[in-house]
Amino acid sequence: MLADNRIVPRCERRTALVRVAALLLGSILLGGCYAGYLARAAYEGGRILWHRKPISETLAQDDLSPEVREKLQTVLAVRKFAADNLGLDVGGAYQTTAPVDKGAVVHVVMAAPRDSLQPYSWWFPIVGRVPYRGYFEASDAEAMAASLEAQGLDTMVRPAVAFSSLGFFDDPVLTNLLKLNRVELPGVLIHELFHRTYYLPSDAMFDESAATYVGSAGAVAFFTATEGESSPDTVAARAILDSDLKFARFLLREQARLLDIYMLDLPHDEILKRREAAFAAIKSDYAALAPTLSGLERFDLDKQPLNNAVLVNYLIYFHDLDNFATLQRMNHGDLRATIEQIISIAKAHPDDPFYAIWDATRSVPVL
């Protein structure tokens, strides 16, 4: 495999993988060992697409469990809501299901220098530079992580359970997504539908953070519209959105703690020593925060060794979420108008959409 050693110039939701459109199309664009990697990805992605089955056929089965039936009906309701109420490009996505025989579609490798929060990145056709690389075998992901560790990098290997083909294909609902509870499922689907609607190449942090906010806020809007503002599902979805915002603020503070160390002109060994003390403090801070969070079993800061790659993973998915929330307040709670504004700002300022969104919201009082 070819490994690109360049680092993106600047720095999870929880579900994205190296976007399958790049993998499917890239295999015919590149030669050598890299093409072999992409060809495998194309084969696995194609296999998923080949085994799609219409949800309508599944719902017609007499032996379908009530739980699965309810979730599939929720999928169809969410895709209709996303199209009609949020203006997302639903197309033919999520009208089918496809079986997966493992808990994860791929095993994703992430990496970062030991004295920096700038992610290591790889380049792919269509999507540009991305700070993750997916493997269909856990052993391959672990081997890549070991190779990067030998180069002096922090690494993380994590599963990914959903994908978006960015509109190149009609994505199915993978059967492992049906293991999510009914409140979590709409957020994941809307997250991926945002990617299908808009994707800024080579800016994974913006793409994923925007999709995180839209997914969680979209779930709140869905349950509010279909069940009412005070329904248990709406309350639970709102708690998840509030927890996303809390976690994003927590990450911003902890990022600043580490940057204060990494920006010092100190010997490398001293920086590593000081960062270990910072990691211990971050773990302590998270232990205090965790009991106040809802629906965030996906956050494992208290369940895994902490390093820069682990933090970068979360920073990519939870960056500046408060500014997206402020945009929605500016739009009087209208999420559809907010999504349109997010996309419009990103198109007008592709070099730094986060700054442009902050600039658009800085006159709004902080709640």
Protein backbone atom coordinates (compact mmCIF):
# COMPACT_ATOMS: atom_id res chain seq x y z
CA MET A 1 0.00 0.00 0.00
CA LEU A 2 1.12 3.55 -0.63
CA ALA A 3 1.12 5.72 2.47
CA ASP A 4 1.14 9.49 2.04
CA ASN A 5 3.18 11.15 4.79
CA ARG A 6 1.86 14.67 4.35
CA ILE A 7 -0.26 16.12 7.13
CA VAL A 8 -3.34 18.18 6.38
CA PRO A 9 -2.87 21.83 7.31
CA ARG A 10 -5.61 21.88 9.99
CA CYS A 11 -7.36 19.74 11.88
CA GLU A 12 -16.67 11.54 14.80
CA ARG A 13 -19.94 11.46 13.79
CA ARG A 14 -19.44 8.17 14.97
CA THR A 15 -20.34 6.38 11.73
CA ALA A 16 -18.41 7.63 8.73
CA LEU A 17 -15.81 5.67 6.83
CA VAL A 18 -13.57 6.50 3.90
CA ARG A 19 -16.34 7.46 1.55
CA VAL A 20 -17.37 4.52 -0.57
CA ALA A 21 -17.81 6.58 -3.72
CA ALA A 22 -14.09 7.26 -3.80
CA LEU A 23 -13.29 3.62 -3.25
CA LEU A 24 -15.66 2.36 -5.90
CA LEU A 25 -14.60 4.88 -8.53
CA GLY A 26 -10.95 5.16 -7.57
CA SER A 27 -10.12 1.56 -8.40
CA ILE A 28 -10.36 2.33 -12.09
CA LEU A 29 -8.33 5.55 -11.82
CA LEU A 30 -5.15 4.39 -10.12
CA GLY A 31 -2.59 1.68 -10.74
CA GLY A 32 -0.28 -0.47 -8.63
CA CYS A 33 -0.81 -1.67 -5.07
CA TYR A 34 -3.07 1.29 -4.32
CA ALA A 35 -5.43 0.11 -7.02
CA GLY A 36 -5.47 -3.27 -5.33
CA TYR A 37 -6.67 -1.64 -2.12
CA LEU A 38 -9.33 0.29 -3.99
CA ALA A 39 -10.34 -2.75 -6.01
CA ARG A 40 -10.99 -4.66 -2.78
CA ALA A 41 -13.03 -1.74 -1.52
CA ALA A 42 -14.93 -1.62 -4.80
CA TYR A 43 -15.65 -5.34 -4.55
CA GLU A 44 -16.91 -5.12 -0.97
CA GLY A 45 -18.95 -2.00 -1.66
CA GLY A 46 -20.38 -3.56 -4.79
CA ARG A 47 -21.27 -6.71 -2.86
CA ILE A 48 -23.27 -4.64 -0.39
CA LEU A 49 -25.10 -2.86 -3.19
CA TRP A 50 -25.75 -6.14 -5.04
CA HIS A 51 -27.53 -7.66 -2.06
CA ARG A 52 -29.96 -4.80 -1.54
CA LYS A 53 -33.56 -5.79 -0.86
CA PRO A 54 -36.51 -3.37 -0.95
CA ILE A 55 -37.77 -2.47 2.51
CA SER A 56 -41.29 -2.93 1.21
CA GLU A 57 -40.55 -6.63 0.59
CA THR A 58 -39.13 -7.07 4.06
CA LEU A 59 -42.14 -5.38 5.63
CA ALA A 60 -44.39 -7.85 3.79
CA GLN A 61 -42.82 -10.79 5.66
CA ASP A 62 -45.17 -12.35 8.22
CA ASP A 63 -42.31 -13.49 10.44
CA LEU A 64 -40.69 -10.05 10.81
CA SER A 65 -40.19 -9.11 14.44
CA PRO A 66 -42.20 -6.12 15.72
CA GLU A 67 -38.98 -4.33 16.68
CA VAL A 68 -37.42 -4.60 13.21
CA ARG A 69 -40.73 -3.71 11.58
CA GLU A 70 -40.98 -0.54 13.64
CA LYS A 71 -37.40 0.46 12.80
CA LEU A 72 -37.86 -0.12 9.07
CA GLN A 73 -41.04 1.92 9.14
CA THR A 74 -39.06 4.62 10.95
CA VAL A 75 -36.42 4.52 8.19
CA LEU A 76 -39.07 5.18 5.53
CA ALA A 77 -40.62 7.95 7.61
CA VAL A 78 -37.21 9.58 8.20
CA ARG A 79 -36.26 9.57 4.51
CA LYS A 80 -39.59 11.20 3.63
CA PHE A 81 -39.18 13.78 6.40
CA ALA A 82 -35.60 14.52 5.33
CA ALA A 83 -36.73 15.18 1.76
CA ASP A 84 -39.96 17.05 2.46
CA ASN A 85 -39.07 18.97 5.63
CA LEU A 86 -35.29 19.34 5.58
CA GLY A 87 -34.67 19.65 1.85
CA LEU A 88 -32.02 16.92 1.84
CA ASP A 89 -31.14 15.01 -1.33
CA VAL A 90 -32.69 11.66 -0.47
CA GLY A 91 -32.93 10.27 -3.99
CA GLY A 92 -33.29 6.50 -3.83
CA ALA A 93 -31.32 6.12 -0.62
CA TYR A 94 -32.62 4.01 2.27
CA GLN A 95 -35.43 2.34 0.35
CA THR A 96 -33.57 -0.95 0.65
CA THR A 97 -31.68 -2.99 3.21
CA ALA A 98 -28.45 -4.94 2.77
CA PRO A 99 -27.09 -7.61 5.11
CA VAL A 100 -23.69 -7.31 6.74
CA ASP A 101 -22.07 -10.29 8.38
CA LYS A 102 -19.93 -8.32 10.83
CA GLY A 103 -20.56 -5.64 13.43
CA ALA A 104 -18.70 -3.07 11.32
CA VAL A 105 -18.54 -2.40 7.61
CA VAL A 106 -14.87 -1.52 7.88
CA HIS A 107 -12.15 -0.99 10.44
CA VAL A 108 -10.95 2.61 10.24
CA VAL A 109 -7.38 3.69 10.98
CA MET A 110 -6.65 7.21 12.20
CA ALA A 111 -3.30 8.73 13.14
CA ALA A 112 -1.68 11.93 14.40
CA PRO A 113 1.82 13.04 15.45
CA ARG A 114 2.58 12.62 19.14
CA ASP A 115 3.16 16.35 19.55
CA SER A 116 0.33 17.69 17.40
CA LEU A 117 -3.43 17.49 16.89
CA GLN A 118 -3.11 17.74 13.12
CA PRO A 119 -4.36 14.46 11.65
CA TYR A 120 -2.36 12.25 9.32
CA SER A 121 -4.25 12.03 6.05
CA TRP A 122 -4.64 9.98 2.89
CA TRP A 123 -5.74 11.11 -0.55
CA PHE A 124 -8.56 9.45 -2.50
CA PRO A 125 -10.32 10.34 -5.75
CA ILE A 126 -13.54 12.35 -5.44
CA VAL A 127 -13.27 13.06 -1.68
CA GLY A 128 -9.71 14.45 -1.66
CA ARG A 129 -7.66 14.24 1.55
CA VAL A 130 -9.29 12.42 4.44
CA PRO A 131 -7.98 11.69 7.96
CA TYR A 132 -9.06 8.06 7.99
CA ARG A 133 -8.50 4.91 5.97
CA GLY A 134 -10.77 1.87 6.04
CA TYR A 135 -9.96 -1.83 5.88
CA PHE A 136 -12.31 -4.77 5.55
CA GLU A 137 -10.11 -6.98 7.72
CA ALA A 138 -9.22 -6.04 11.28
CA SER A 139 -5.76 -7.54 10.82
CA ASP A 140 -5.04 -5.20 7.89
CA ALA A 141 -6.11 -2.17 9.92
CA GLU A 142 -3.97 -3.24 12.85
CA ALA A 143 -0.99 -3.78 10.52
CA MET A 144 -1.36 -0.26 9.10
CA ALA A 145 -1.65 1.14 12.62
CA ALA A 146 1.51 -0.71 13.66
CA SER A 147 3.35 0.70 10.64
CA LEU A 148 2.28 4.23 11.52
CA GLU A 149 3.20 3.73 15.18
CA ALA A 150 6.68 2.68 14.01
CA GLN A 151 6.91 6.06 12.24
CA GLY A 152 6.32 7.83 15.56
CA LEU A 153 2.59 8.47 15.23
CA ASP A 154 -0.30 7.94 17.62
CA THR A 155 -2.98 5.69 16.11
CA MET A 156 -6.54 4.57 16.64
CA VAL A 157 -8.49 1.72 15.03
CA ARG A 158 -12.26 1.93 15.24
CA PRO A 159 -15.27 0.34 13.56
CA ALA A 160 -17.54 2.20 11.16
CA VAL A 161 -21.14 1.09 10.82
CA ALA A 162 -22.58 3.34 8.10
CA PHE A 163 -21.53 5.06 4.91
CA SER A 164 -22.65 7.51 2.27
CA SER A 165 -21.80 7.11 -1.39
CA LEU A 166 -22.31 10.91 -1.70
CA GLY A 167 -25.20 10.34 -4.11
CA PHE A 168 -23.35 8.12 -6.59
CA PHE A 169 -25.49 5.14 -5.54
CA ASP A 170 -28.78 4.50 -3.77
CA ASP A 171 -27.40 3.57 -0.37
CA PRO A 172 -29.12 0.75 1.53
CA VAL A 173 -29.79 0.56 5.24
CA LEU A 174 -27.19 -1.88 6.53
CA THR A 175 -28.79 -4.46 8.78
CA ASN A 176 -26.40 -3.71 11.63
CA LEU A 177 -27.87 -0.19 11.81
CA LEU A 178 -31.14 -1.80 12.90
CA LYS A 179 -29.40 -2.62 16.18
CA LEU A 180 -29.49 1.08 17.04
CA ASN A 181 -32.40 2.18 19.18
CA ARG A 182 -35.24 4.02 17.49
CA VAL A 183 -34.13 7.43 18.76
CA GLU A 184 -30.53 7.05 17.53
CA LEU A 185 -31.44 5.69 14.09
CA PRO A 186 -32.92 8.91 12.57
CA GLY A 187 -29.84 10.90 13.56
CA VAL A 188 -27.51 8.47 11.79
CA LEU A 189 -29.65 8.42 8.64
CA ILE A 190 -29.95 12.22 8.48
CA HIS A 191 -26.21 12.54 9.15
CA GLU A 192 -25.46 10.43 6.08
CA LEU A 193 -28.13 12.14 3.99
CA PHE A 194 -26.44 15.47 4.69
CA HIS A 195 -23.25 13.99 3.18
CA ARG A 196 -25.29 12.93 0.15
CA THR A 197 -26.63 16.47 -0.16
CA TYR A 198 -23.33 18.33 0.30
CA TYR A 199 -19.70 17.29 0.65
CA LEU A 200 -16.69 19.61 0.74
CA PRO A 201 -13.66 17.66 -0.56
CA SER A 202 -10.59 17.54 1.69
CA ASP A 203 -12.36 19.04 4.71
CA ALA A 204 -13.49 16.06 6.77
CA MET A 205 -13.77 18.14 9.93
CA PHE A 206 -16.35 20.45 8.39
CA ASP A 207 -18.19 17.66 6.60
CA GLU A 208 -18.46 15.48 9.69
CA SER A 209 -19.16 18.22 12.24
CA ALA A 210 -21.87 19.77 10.07
CA ALA A 211 -23.40 16.32 9.56
CA THR A 212 -23.20 15.61 13.30
CA TYR A 213 -25.20 18.73 14.08
CA VAL A 214 -27.69 18.26 11.25
CA GLY A 215 -28.17 14.60 12.17
CA SER A 216 -28.88 15.23 15.84
CA ALA A 217 -30.96 18.37 15.24
CA GLY A 218 -32.77 16.52 12.45
CA ALA A 219 -33.74 13.72 14.81
CA VAL A 220 -35.24 16.30 17.19
CA ALA A 221 -37.16 17.88 14.32
CA PHE A 222 -38.38 14.48 13.09
CA PHE A 223 -39.76 13.34 16.42
CA THR A 224 -41.22 16.79 17.15
CA ALA A 225 -43.08 16.74 13.84
CA THR A 226 -44.28 13.14 14.08
CA GLU A 227 -44.90 12.68 17.81
CA GLY A 228 -45.03 16.14 19.38
CA GLU A 229 -42.64 18.27 21.42
CA SER A 230 -43.20 16.45 24.70
CA SER A 231 -43.11 12.85 23.47
CA PRO A 232 -40.51 10.57 25.12
CA ASP A 233 -38.70 10.12 21.80
CA THR A 234 -38.51 13.88 21.23
CA VAL A 235 -37.20 14.44 24.75
CA ALA A 236 -34.59 11.71 24.28
CA ALA A 237 -33.52 13.10 20.89
CA ARG A 238 -33.19 16.59 22.35
CA ALA A 239 -31.05 15.20 25.18
CA ILE A 240 -28.70 13.65 22.61
CA LEU A 241 -28.40 16.97 20.75
CA ASP A 242 -27.73 18.82 24.01
CA SER A 243 -25.11 16.21 24.91
CA ASP A 244 -23.44 16.62 21.52
CA LEU A 245 -23.10 20.33 22.25
CA LYS A 246 -21.75 19.71 25.75
CA PHE A 247 -19.22 17.22 24.44
CA ALA A 248 -18.11 19.64 21.71
CA ARG A 249 -17.47 22.34 24.34
CA PHE A 250 -15.55 19.85 26.45
CA LEU A 251 -13.35 18.96 23.47
CA LEU A 252 -12.69 22.63 22.72
CA ARG A 253 -11.38 23.16 26.27
CA GLU A 254 -9.25 20.01 26.22
CA GLN A 255 -7.87 20.82 22.78
CA ALA A 256 -6.70 24.19 24.14
CA ARG A 257 -5.04 22.42 27.09
CA LEU A 258 -2.98 20.25 24.73
CA LEU A 259 -2.20 23.02 22.24
CA ASP A 260 -0.71 25.06 25.08
CA ILE A 261 1.78 22.21 25.52
CA TYR A 262 2.43 21.41 21.87
CA MET A 263 3.15 25.04 21.01
CA LEU A 264 5.91 25.35 23.62
CA ASP A 265 9.50 25.35 22.42
CA LEU A 266 10.48 22.35 24.52
CA PRO A 267 12.44 19.15 23.90
CA HIS A 268 10.28 16.39 22.43
CA ASP A 269 10.64 14.17 25.51
CA GLU A 270 9.45 16.98 27.77
CA ILE A 271 6.40 17.59 25.57
CA LEU A 272 5.52 13.89 25.76
CA LYS A 273 5.89 13.96 29.53
CA ARG A 274 3.63 16.98 29.90
CA ARG A 275 1.02 15.56 27.54
CA GLU A 276 0.66 12.46 29.71
CA ALA A 277 -0.27 14.66 32.63
CA ALA A 278 -2.74 16.49 30.36
CA PHE A 279 -4.26 13.19 29.21
CA ALA A 280 -4.82 12.21 32.85
CA ALA A 281 -6.56 15.54 33.47
CA ILE A 282 -8.72 15.06 30.36
CA LYS A 283 -9.77 11.62 31.58
CA SER A 284 -10.69 13.14 34.94
CA ASP A 285 -12.67 15.95 33.29
CA TYR A 286 -14.53 13.46 31.13
CA ALA A 287 -15.37 11.26 34.12
CA ALA A 288 -17.07 14.29 35.68
CA LEU A 289 -18.89 15.15 32.44
CA ALA A 290 -20.04 11.67 31.41
CA PRO A 291 -22.91 11.31 33.94
CA THR A 292 -24.52 14.47 32.51
CA LEU A 293 -24.57 13.12 28.94
CA SER A 294 -27.40 11.20 27.27
CA GLY A 295 -27.27 8.50 24.64
CA LEU A 296 -23.53 8.74 24.15
CA GLU A 297 -22.34 5.19 24.63
CA ARG A 298 -20.37 5.79 21.45
CA PHE A 299 -17.99 8.06 23.40
CA ASP A 300 -15.25 5.88 24.82
CA LEU A 301 -12.81 8.35 26.35
CA ASP A 302 -13.13 6.48 29.63
CA LYS A 303 -12.77 3.05 28.01
CA GLN A 304 -9.63 3.33 25.87
CA PRO A 305 -6.05 4.57 26.13
CA LEU A 306 -5.95 8.26 25.29
CA ASN A 307 -3.68 9.68 22.58
CA ASN A 308 -3.75 12.37 19.92
CA ALA A 309 -5.37 10.12 17.30
CA VAL A 310 -8.25 9.33 19.65
CA LEU A 311 -8.82 13.02 20.35
CA VAL A 312 -8.53 13.94 16.67
CA ASN A 313 -11.23 11.37 15.90
CA TYR A 314 -13.66 13.16 18.20
CA LEU A 315 -12.52 16.65 17.20
CA ILE A 316 -13.35 15.89 13.57
CA TYR A 317 -16.94 15.05 14.44
CA PHE A 318 -17.63 17.64 17.15
CA HIS A 319 -15.99 20.91 16.11
CA ASP A 320 -17.74 24.26 16.69
CA LEU A 321 -21.20 22.69 17.02
CA ASP A 322 -22.42 25.71 18.99
CA ASN A 323 -22.04 27.88 15.89
CA PHE A 324 -24.35 25.58 13.92
CA ALA A 325 -26.84 25.81 16.78
CA THR A 326 -26.56 29.60 16.70
CA LEU A 327 -27.32 29.57 12.98
CA GLN A 328 -30.49 27.63 13.74
CA ARG A 329 -31.50 30.20 16.38
CA MET A 330 -30.87 32.95 13.82
CA ASN A 331 -33.29 31.08 11.55
CA HIS A 332 -35.91 30.97 14.35
CA GLY A 333 -35.49 27.23 14.76
CA ASP A 334 -35.99 26.44 11.07
CA LEU A 335 -33.59 23.56 10.46
CA ARG A 336 -34.25 23.45 6.73
CA ALA A 337 -33.23 27.09 6.36
CA THR A 338 -30.21 26.40 8.59
CA ILE A 339 -29.07 23.51 6.41
CA GLU A 340 -29.40 25.69 3.32
CA GLN A 341 -27.36 28.42 5.03
CA ILE A 342 -24.63 25.99 6.14
CA ILE A 343 -24.25 24.75 2.59
CA SER A 344 -24.39 28.24 1.11
CA ILE A 345 -21.67 29.51 3.46
CA ALA A 346 -19.46 26.48 2.79
CA LYS A 347 -19.79 26.94 -0.97
CA ALA A 348 -18.91 30.62 -0.68
CA HIS A 349 -15.99 30.03 1.72
CA PRO A 350 -14.58 26.55 0.98
CA ASP A 351 -11.14 27.43 2.38
CA ASP A 352 -12.46 27.99 5.91
CA PRO A 353 -16.21 27.45 6.31
CA PHE A 354 -15.93 27.27 10.11
CA TYR A 355 -14.61 30.84 10.29
CA ALA A 356 -17.29 32.03 7.88
CA ILE A 357 -20.04 30.46 10.00
CA TRP A 358 -18.52 31.97 13.17
CA ASP A 359 -18.41 35.36 11.43
CA ALA A 360 -22.07 35.03 10.46
CA THR A 361 -23.08 34.24 14.04
CA ARG A 362 -20.73 36.33 16.20
CA SER A 363 -23.26 39.14 16.75
CA VAL A 364 -25.79 36.70 18.23
CA PRO A 365 -25.77 36.57 22.05
CA VAL A 366 -24.54 33.29 23.52
CA LEU A 367 -27.23 31.41 25.43
